[in-house]
Amino acid sequence: PKDSVIAAKLQITSFDEVAQVELITPEQAANELFSDPEDRKLLQVGLADGSNPLPSTIRMRIRSTNDLDELLKKLKGVHQIDSVSYGEEAFRRFQGLTELIWVGSLIVIVLSRH
């Protein structure tokens, strides 16, 4: 499973529409989700058996807002991907903002199978 996530990351990195790609492991996701020290105690208790239900995640930044539709089409062709989330409503609402703002802030999150 880890190899398939790395393969998906490499494939996505090759897409012209993508400026930056970051792989988030289930462990990293848990640490981000439970950043408060009290939450971390709960996390250690809840995951004591070593089973982390969080998926591997690939975060990416696109080069241009004009590339989003083409990138979404390409992502559908990556068989390891379960779902794609990018805040579609916010993207459509603020698409009139300057390209610089969106290119700097838009993050697409891809959840990959374990």
N, C-alpha and C. Protein backbone atom coordinates (compact mmCIF):
# COMPACT_ATOMS: atom_id res chain seq x y z
N PRO A 1 0.80 -1.22 0.00
CA PRO A 1 0.00 0.00 0.00
C PRO A 1 0.84 1.27 0.00
N LYS A 2 1.91 1.29 0.80
CA LYS A 2 2.76 2.48 0.83
C LYS A 2 3.37 2.73 -0.54
N ASP A 3 3.77 1.65 -1.22
CA ASP A 3 4.35 1.80 -2.56
C ASP A 3 3.35 2.40 -3.54
N SER A 4 2.07 2.04 -3.41
CA SER A 4 1.06 2.58 -4.33
C SER A 4 0.82 4.07 -4.07
N VAL A 5 0.95 4.50 -2.82
CA VAL A 5 0.80 5.92 -2.50
C VAL A 5 1.98 6.70 -3.08
N ILE A 6 3.17 6.15 -2.94
CA ILE A 6 4.36 6.80 -3.51
C ILE A 6 4.25 6.86 -5.03
N ALA A 7 3.76 5.79 -5.64
CA ALA A 7 3.58 5.77 -7.09
C ALA A 7 2.57 6.84 -7.53
N ALA A 8 1.50 7.00 -6.76
CA ALA A 8 0.50 8.03 -7.08
C ALA A 8 1.13 9.42 -6.97
N LYS A 9 1.93 9.63 -5.94
CA LYS A 9 2.60 10.92 -5.76
C LYS A 9 3.50 11.22 -6.94
N LEU A 10 4.28 10.24 -7.37
CA LEU A 10 5.17 10.43 -8.51
C LEU A 10 4.39 10.75 -9.79
N GLN A 11 3.28 10.05 -9.97
CA GLN A 11 2.45 10.30 -11.15
C GLN A 11 1.89 11.72 -11.12
N ILE A 12 1.38 12.14 -9.97
CA ILE A 12 0.80 13.47 -9.83
C ILE A 12 1.86 14.55 -9.99
N THR A 13 3.06 14.29 -9.47
CA THR A 13 4.16 15.25 -9.60
C THR A 13 4.48 15.52 -11.07
N SER A 14 4.26 14.53 -11.93
CA SER A 14 4.58 14.70 -13.35
C SER A 14 3.55 15.54 -14.11
N PHE A 15 2.41 15.81 -13.50
CA PHE A 15 1.37 16.60 -14.18
C PHE A 15 1.83 18.06 -14.31
N ASP A 16 1.70 18.61 -15.51
CA ASP A 16 2.11 19.99 -15.76
C ASP A 16 1.35 21.00 -14.91
N GLU A 17 0.12 20.66 -14.53
CA GLU A 17 -0.73 21.59 -13.78
C GLU A 17 -0.33 21.74 -12.32
N VAL A 18 0.54 20.88 -11.84
CA VAL A 18 0.88 20.83 -10.42
C VAL A 18 2.19 21.55 -10.15
N ALA A 19 2.16 22.46 -9.17
CA ALA A 19 3.35 23.21 -8.79
C ALA A 19 4.10 22.55 -7.63
N GLN A 20 3.36 21.93 -6.72
CA GLN A 20 3.97 21.36 -5.52
C GLN A 20 3.14 20.19 -5.04
N VAL A 21 3.80 19.14 -4.56
CA VAL A 21 3.13 17.95 -4.07
C VAL A 21 3.75 17.56 -2.73
N GLU A 22 2.89 17.21 -1.77
CA GLU A 22 3.36 16.81 -0.45
C GLU A 22 2.58 15.57 -0.02
N LEU A 23 3.30 14.55 0.40
CA LEU A 23 2.68 13.32 0.91
C LEU A 23 2.52 13.43 2.41
N ILE A 24 1.31 13.21 2.90
CA ILE A 24 1.01 13.22 4.33
C ILE A 24 0.67 11.79 4.74
N THR A 25 1.48 11.23 5.62
CA THR A 25 1.24 9.86 6.09
C THR A 25 0.08 9.88 7.10
N PRO A 26 -0.52 8.72 7.37
CA PRO A 26 -1.57 8.67 8.40
C PRO A 26 -1.07 9.18 9.75
N GLU A 27 0.17 8.91 10.07
CA GLU A 27 0.74 9.38 11.34
C GLU A 27 0.83 10.91 11.37
N GLN A 28 1.30 11.50 10.27
CA GLN A 28 1.37 12.96 10.19
C GLN A 28 -0.02 13.57 10.27
N ALA A 29 -0.99 12.95 9.59
CA ALA A 29 -2.36 13.45 9.62
C ALA A 29 -2.91 13.43 11.04
N ALA A 30 -2.63 12.36 11.77
CA ALA A 30 -3.09 12.26 13.16
C ALA A 30 -2.46 13.35 14.01
N ASN A 31 -1.17 13.61 13.81
CA ASN A 31 -0.49 14.66 14.57
C ASN A 31 -1.04 16.04 14.25
N GLU A 32 -1.41 16.28 12.99
CA GLU A 32 -2.02 17.56 12.61
C GLU A 32 -3.41 17.69 13.22
N LEU A 33 -4.16 16.61 13.17
CA LEU A 33 -5.53 16.62 13.67
C LEU A 33 -5.57 16.79 15.18
N PHE A 34 -4.64 16.17 15.86
CA PHE A 34 -4.59 16.21 17.32
C PHE A 34 -3.35 16.99 17.77
N SER A 35 -3.33 18.27 17.50
CA SER A 35 -2.16 19.08 17.81
C SER A 35 -2.10 19.52 19.27
N ASP A 36 -3.23 19.57 19.93
CA ASP A 36 -3.28 19.95 21.34
C ASP A 36 -2.73 18.79 22.19
N PRO A 37 -1.91 19.10 23.23
CA PRO A 37 -1.34 18.04 24.07
C PRO A 37 -2.38 17.11 24.69
N GLU A 38 -3.53 17.67 25.11
CA GLU A 38 -4.58 16.82 25.69
C GLU A 38 -5.16 15.88 24.63
N ASP A 39 -5.31 16.40 23.41
CA ASP A 39 -5.81 15.56 22.32
C ASP A 39 -4.82 14.45 22.00
N ARG A 40 -3.53 14.75 22.10
CA ARG A 40 -2.51 13.74 21.82
C ARG A 40 -2.61 12.57 22.80
N LYS A 41 -2.96 12.87 24.06
CA LYS A 41 -3.14 11.79 25.04
C LYS A 41 -4.27 10.87 24.60
N LEU A 42 -5.37 11.48 24.14
CA LEU A 42 -6.50 10.68 23.66
C LEU A 42 -6.09 9.87 22.43
N LEU A 43 -5.30 10.48 21.58
CA LEU A 43 -4.84 9.81 20.37
C LEU A 43 -4.02 8.58 20.73
N GLN A 44 -3.12 8.71 21.69
CA GLN A 44 -2.29 7.58 22.11
C GLN A 44 -3.14 6.45 22.67
N VAL A 45 -4.17 6.80 23.41
CA VAL A 45 -5.07 5.77 23.96
C VAL A 45 -5.87 5.14 22.84
N GLY A 46 -6.43 5.98 21.95
CA GLY A 46 -7.28 5.48 20.88
C GLY A 46 -6.54 4.65 19.85
N LEU A 47 -5.27 4.94 19.65
CA LEU A 47 -4.49 4.20 18.65
C LEU A 47 -3.48 3.27 19.30
N ALA A 48 -3.76 2.87 20.53
CA ALA A 48 -2.83 2.03 21.27
C ALA A 48 -2.54 0.71 20.55
N ASP A 49 -3.52 0.21 19.81
CA ASP A 49 -3.31 -1.06 19.13
C ASP A 49 -2.56 -0.89 17.81
N GLY A 50 -2.19 0.36 17.49
CA GLY A 50 -1.41 0.62 16.28
C GLY A 50 -2.24 0.78 15.03
N SER A 51 -3.55 0.81 15.15
CA SER A 51 -4.39 0.97 13.96
C SER A 51 -4.80 2.43 13.81
N ASN A 52 -4.33 3.05 12.76
CA ASN A 52 -4.66 4.44 12.46
C ASN A 52 -5.65 4.45 11.30
N PRO A 53 -6.87 4.91 11.52
CA PRO A 53 -7.88 4.86 10.46
C PRO A 53 -7.73 5.96 9.41
N LEU A 54 -6.83 6.91 9.62
CA LEU A 54 -6.68 8.01 8.67
C LEU A 54 -5.96 7.53 7.41
N PRO A 55 -6.40 8.01 6.25
CA PRO A 55 -5.77 7.58 4.99
C PRO A 55 -4.50 8.38 4.71
N SER A 56 -3.69 7.87 3.82
CA SER A 56 -2.59 8.66 3.29
C SER A 56 -3.20 9.77 2.46
N THR A 57 -2.56 10.93 2.48
CA THR A 57 -3.10 12.10 1.78
C THR A 57 -2.01 12.73 0.94
N ILE A 58 -2.37 13.15 -0.24
CA ILE A 58 -1.45 13.90 -1.09
C ILE A 58 -2.03 15.30 -1.25
N ARG A 59 -1.27 16.28 -0.77
CA ARG A 59 -1.68 17.68 -0.92
C ARG A 59 -0.89 18.28 -2.06
N MET A 60 -1.55 19.11 -2.83
CA MET A 60 -0.84 19.74 -3.94
C MET A 60 -1.30 21.16 -4.16
N ARG A 61 -0.44 21.91 -4.78
CA ARG A 61 -0.78 23.27 -5.17
C ARG A 61 -0.74 23.31 -6.70
N ILE A 62 -1.74 23.93 -7.30
CA ILE A 62 -1.78 24.00 -8.75
C ILE A 62 -1.04 25.24 -9.23
N ARG A 63 -0.59 25.19 -10.48
CA ARG A 63 0.16 26.32 -11.05
C ARG A 63 -0.76 27.51 -11.35
N SER A 64 -1.97 27.21 -11.80
CA SER A 64 -2.89 28.27 -12.21
C SER A 64 -4.33 27.81 -11.98
N THR A 65 -5.20 28.74 -11.65
CA THR A 65 -6.61 28.38 -11.49
C THR A 65 -7.20 27.85 -12.80
N ASN A 66 -6.63 28.25 -13.90
CA ASN A 66 -7.10 27.77 -15.20
C ASN A 66 -6.81 26.28 -15.41
N ASP A 67 -5.91 25.74 -14.60
CA ASP A 67 -5.52 24.34 -14.73
C ASP A 67 -6.40 23.38 -13.94
N LEU A 68 -7.28 23.90 -13.11
CA LEU A 68 -8.03 23.04 -12.19
C LEU A 68 -8.84 21.97 -12.91
N ASP A 69 -9.64 22.34 -13.89
CA ASP A 69 -10.51 21.36 -14.55
C ASP A 69 -9.69 20.25 -15.21
N GLU A 70 -8.62 20.61 -15.88
CA GLU A 70 -7.77 19.61 -16.53
C GLU A 70 -7.11 18.70 -15.49
N LEU A 71 -6.66 19.28 -14.39
CA LEU A 71 -6.04 18.49 -13.33
C LEU A 71 -7.05 17.51 -12.74
N LEU A 72 -8.28 17.96 -12.49
CA LEU A 72 -9.30 17.06 -11.93
C LEU A 72 -9.55 15.88 -12.86
N LYS A 73 -9.54 16.11 -14.17
CA LYS A 73 -9.71 15.02 -15.14
C LYS A 73 -8.56 14.03 -15.02
N LYS A 74 -7.34 14.55 -14.91
CA LYS A 74 -6.18 13.66 -14.80
C LYS A 74 -6.20 12.87 -13.50
N LEU A 75 -6.62 13.51 -12.42
CA LEU A 75 -6.65 12.82 -11.13
C LEU A 75 -7.64 11.65 -11.13
N LYS A 76 -8.71 11.78 -11.92
CA LYS A 76 -9.68 10.67 -12.02
C LYS A 76 -9.03 9.43 -12.63
N GLY A 77 -7.95 9.63 -13.38
CA GLY A 77 -7.26 8.52 -14.02
C GLY A 77 -6.21 7.85 -13.13
N VAL A 78 -5.99 8.39 -11.95
CA VAL A 78 -5.02 7.78 -11.02
C VAL A 78 -5.78 6.77 -10.17
N HIS A 79 -5.53 5.48 -10.41
CA HIS A 79 -6.38 4.44 -9.80
C HIS A 79 -6.27 4.35 -8.28
N GLN A 80 -5.21 4.87 -7.67
CA GLN A 80 -5.07 4.80 -6.22
C GLN A 80 -5.94 5.82 -5.48
N ILE A 81 -6.52 6.76 -6.19
CA ILE A 81 -7.26 7.84 -5.54
C ILE A 81 -8.68 7.41 -5.20
N ASP A 82 -9.05 7.63 -3.94
CA ASP A 82 -10.42 7.37 -3.49
C ASP A 82 -11.29 8.61 -3.70
N SER A 83 -10.77 9.79 -3.33
CA SER A 83 -11.56 11.01 -3.46
C SER A 83 -10.64 12.22 -3.55
N VAL A 84 -11.21 13.30 -4.09
CA VAL A 84 -10.49 14.56 -4.24
C VAL A 84 -11.33 15.65 -3.60
N SER A 85 -10.69 16.48 -2.80
CA SER A 85 -11.38 17.59 -2.16
C SER A 85 -10.56 18.85 -2.34
N TYR A 86 -11.23 19.94 -2.74
CA TYR A 86 -10.47 21.17 -2.93
C TYR A 86 -11.27 22.42 -2.60
N GLY A 87 -12.38 22.29 -1.91
CA GLY A 87 -13.17 23.47 -1.57
C GLY A 87 -13.80 24.09 -2.81
N GLU A 88 -14.52 23.29 -3.55
CA GLU A 88 -15.07 23.71 -4.84
C GLU A 88 -15.93 24.97 -4.72
N GLU A 89 -16.77 25.01 -3.72
CA GLU A 89 -17.65 26.18 -3.57
C GLU A 89 -16.85 27.46 -3.36
N ALA A 90 -15.86 27.39 -2.49
CA ALA A 90 -15.01 28.57 -2.24
C ALA A 90 -14.24 28.94 -3.50
N PHE A 91 -13.76 27.95 -4.21
CA PHE A 91 -13.03 28.21 -5.44
C PHE A 91 -13.90 28.95 -6.45
N ARG A 92 -15.11 28.46 -6.65
CA ARG A 92 -16.01 29.09 -7.63
C ARG A 92 -16.40 30.51 -7.19
N ARG A 93 -16.63 30.69 -5.90
CA ARG A 93 -17.05 31.98 -5.38
C ARG A 93 -15.96 33.04 -5.53
N PHE A 94 -14.72 32.65 -5.28
CA PHE A 94 -13.63 33.62 -5.28
C PHE A 94 -12.74 33.54 -6.51
N GLN A 95 -13.21 32.89 -7.54
CA GLN A 95 -12.41 32.72 -8.74
C GLN A 95 -12.04 34.07 -9.36
N GLY A 96 -12.79 35.11 -9.05
CA GLY A 96 -12.50 36.43 -9.58
C GLY A 96 -11.30 37.09 -8.92
N LEU A 97 -10.82 36.53 -7.81
CA LEU A 97 -9.64 37.09 -7.17
C LEU A 97 -8.43 36.93 -8.09
N THR A 98 -7.42 37.66 -7.80
CA THR A 98 -6.24 37.60 -8.66
C THR A 98 -5.65 36.21 -8.69
N GLU A 99 -5.05 35.89 -9.80
CA GLU A 99 -4.41 34.59 -9.99
C GLU A 99 -3.36 34.34 -8.90
N LEU A 100 -2.65 35.36 -8.53
CA LEU A 100 -1.58 35.23 -7.55
C LEU A 100 -2.10 34.71 -6.22
N ILE A 101 -3.23 35.22 -5.78
CA ILE A 101 -3.79 34.78 -4.50
C ILE A 101 -4.15 33.31 -4.56
N TRP A 102 -4.84 32.89 -5.62
CA TRP A 102 -5.28 31.50 -5.70
C TRP A 102 -4.12 30.54 -5.89
N VAL A 103 -3.16 30.88 -6.74
CA VAL A 103 -2.06 29.98 -6.97
C VAL A 103 -1.27 29.79 -5.69
N GLY A 104 -1.17 30.83 -4.88
CA GLY A 104 -0.44 30.75 -3.63
C GLY A 104 -1.18 30.02 -2.53
N SER A 105 -2.50 29.92 -2.63
CA SER A 105 -3.23 29.39 -1.49
C SER A 105 -4.06 28.14 -1.76
N LEU A 106 -4.35 27.83 -3.01
CA LEU A 106 -5.21 26.70 -3.29
C LEU A 106 -4.49 25.38 -3.05
N ILE A 107 -5.05 24.55 -2.24
CA ILE A 107 -4.48 23.24 -1.93
C ILE A 107 -5.51 22.20 -2.32
N VAL A 108 -5.13 21.26 -3.11
CA VAL A 108 -6.00 20.15 -3.48
C VAL A 108 -5.57 18.97 -2.63
N ILE A 109 -6.54 18.30 -2.03
CA ILE A 109 -6.23 17.16 -1.17
C ILE A 109 -6.76 15.89 -1.83
N VAL A 110 -5.90 14.93 -1.95
CA VAL A 110 -6.25 13.65 -2.56
C VAL A 110 -6.10 12.57 -1.52
N LEU A 111 -7.14 11.84 -1.26
CA LEU A 111 -7.08 10.74 -0.29
C LEU A 111 -6.77 9.45 -1.05
N SER A 112 -5.73 8.79 -0.66
CA SER A 112 -5.31 7.56 -1.32
C SER A 112 -5.64 6.35 -0.47
N ARG A 113 -5.86 5.24 -1.14
CA ARG A 113 -6.16 3.99 -0.43
C ARG A 113 -4.95 3.53 0.35
N HIS A 114 -5.21 2.85 1.48
CA HIS A 114 -4.12 2.27 2.28
C HIS A 114 -3.47 1.16 1.50
